[in-house]
């Protein structure tokens, strides 16, 4: 049961959304990787929803990615991303 819940949460979290956030912020994969402290290959794997990478992505990586990119993201992108992260980690804002 626990694994099924984890897998359904992982599906809610999209590497494509992180990619969109990075691009909107104007960073290349290499630039973002350096700022987050991961390899460019890991950024690529995350953005392409590689299961083994998505299974191991930590809160710290998502937090850094968000912190770096949110300043230049549109309000709509920030709200969408925040909502996705809250859902992913099982937080309910209501």
Protein backbone atom coordinates (compact mmCIF):
# COMPACT_ATOMS: atom_id res chain seq x y z
CA UNK A 1 0.00 0.00 0.00
CA UNK A 2 2.75 2.45 0.94
CA UNK A 3 4.62 1.84 -2.32
CA UNK A 4 1.44 2.46 -4.34
CA UNK A 5 0.91 5.81 -2.57
CA UNK A 6 4.53 6.76 -3.24
CA UNK A 7 4.26 5.84 -6.91
CA UNK A 8 1.05 7.84 -7.36
CA UNK A 9 2.71 10.87 -5.78
CA UNK A 10 5.73 10.53 -8.06
CA UNK A 11 3.44 10.63 -11.08
CA UNK A 12 2.04 13.98 -9.91
CA UNK A 13 5.51 15.50 -9.86
CA UNK A 14 6.62 16.28 -13.38
CA UNK A 15 10.11 16.73 -14.69
CA UNK A 16 8.53 18.64 -17.56
CA UNK A 17 7.26 21.18 -15.04
CA UNK A 18 10.77 21.59 -13.61
CA UNK A 19 12.10 21.98 -17.14
CA UNK A 20 9.53 24.67 -17.88
CA UNK A 21 10.47 26.47 -14.67
CA UNK A 22 14.18 26.33 -15.58
CA UNK A 23 13.59 27.59 -19.12
CA UNK A 24 11.30 30.38 -17.97
CA UNK A 25 14.03 31.46 -15.55
CA UNK A 26 16.49 31.55 -18.47
CA UNK A 27 18.97 28.93 -17.29
CA UNK A 28 20.63 26.22 -19.33
CA UNK A 29 20.78 22.74 -17.84
CA UNK A 30 24.48 23.28 -17.10
CA UNK A 31 23.91 26.63 -15.37
CA UNK A 32 21.13 25.26 -13.20
CA UNK A 33 23.10 22.11 -12.38
CA UNK A 34 26.00 24.21 -11.12
CA UNK A 35 23.71 26.35 -8.98
CA UNK A 36 21.82 23.36 -7.53
CA UNK A 37 24.97 21.29 -7.03
CA UNK A 38 24.09 18.35 -9.26
CA UNK A 39 25.34 17.22 -12.66
CA UNK A 40 23.88 18.39 -15.95
CA UNK A 41 23.06 14.74 -16.64
CA UNK A 42 20.97 14.62 -13.46
CA UNK A 43 19.09 17.77 -14.52
CA UNK A 44 18.40 16.11 -17.88
CA UNK A 45 17.24 12.88 -16.21
CA UNK A 46 14.89 14.81 -13.91
CA UNK A 47 13.46 16.85 -16.78
CA UNK A 48 12.89 13.66 -18.78
CA UNK A 49 11.16 11.89 -15.84
CA UNK A 50 13.69 9.06 -15.65
CA UNK A 51 12.10 6.80 -13.01
CA UNK A 52 15.33 5.92 -11.21
CA UNK A 53 16.22 9.61 -10.87
CA UNK A 54 12.70 10.73 -9.95
CA UNK A 55 12.56 8.01 -7.27
CA UNK A 56 15.70 9.40 -5.67
CA UNK A 57 15.20 13.13 -6.08
CA UNK A 58 15.39 14.79 -2.70
CA UNK A 59 13.49 17.65 -1.20
CA UNK A 60 16.75 19.62 -1.09
CA UNK A 61 17.19 19.42 -4.86
CA UNK A 62 13.60 20.52 -5.53
CA UNK A 63 13.94 23.33 -2.98
CA UNK A 64 17.16 24.63 -4.55
CA UNK A 65 15.70 24.36 -8.06
CA UNK A 66 12.66 26.32 -6.90
CA UNK A 67 14.69 28.92 -5.01
CA UNK A 68 16.92 29.59 -8.00
CA UNK A 69 14.17 29.79 -10.62
CA UNK A 70 11.19 31.30 -8.84
CA UNK A 71 12.44 34.89 -8.95
CA UNK A 72 11.94 35.17 -12.70
CA UNK A 73 9.00 32.78 -13.12
CA UNK A 74 5.56 34.14 -13.85
CA UNK A 75 2.95 34.22 -11.10
CA UNK A 76 1.01 31.45 -12.86
CA UNK A 77 4.11 29.22 -13.04
CA UNK A 78 4.95 29.88 -9.38
CA UNK A 79 1.40 29.03 -8.27
CA UNK A 80 1.26 25.89 -10.41
CA UNK A 81 4.64 24.69 -9.22
CA UNK A 82 3.86 25.37 -5.56
CA UNK A 83 0.56 23.51 -5.84
CA UNK A 84 2.24 20.51 -7.47
CA UNK A 85 4.93 20.34 -4.78
CA UNK A 86 2.35 20.59 -2.00
CA UNK A 87 0.30 17.78 -3.58
CA UNK A 88 3.39 15.67 -4.17
CA UNK A 89 4.41 15.77 -0.54
CA UNK A 90 0.86 15.26 0.68
CA UNK A 91 0.15 18.68 2.15
CA UNK A 92 -3.37 20.02 2.04
CA UNK A 93 -3.78 23.80 2.07
CA UNK A 94 -7.53 23.83 2.72
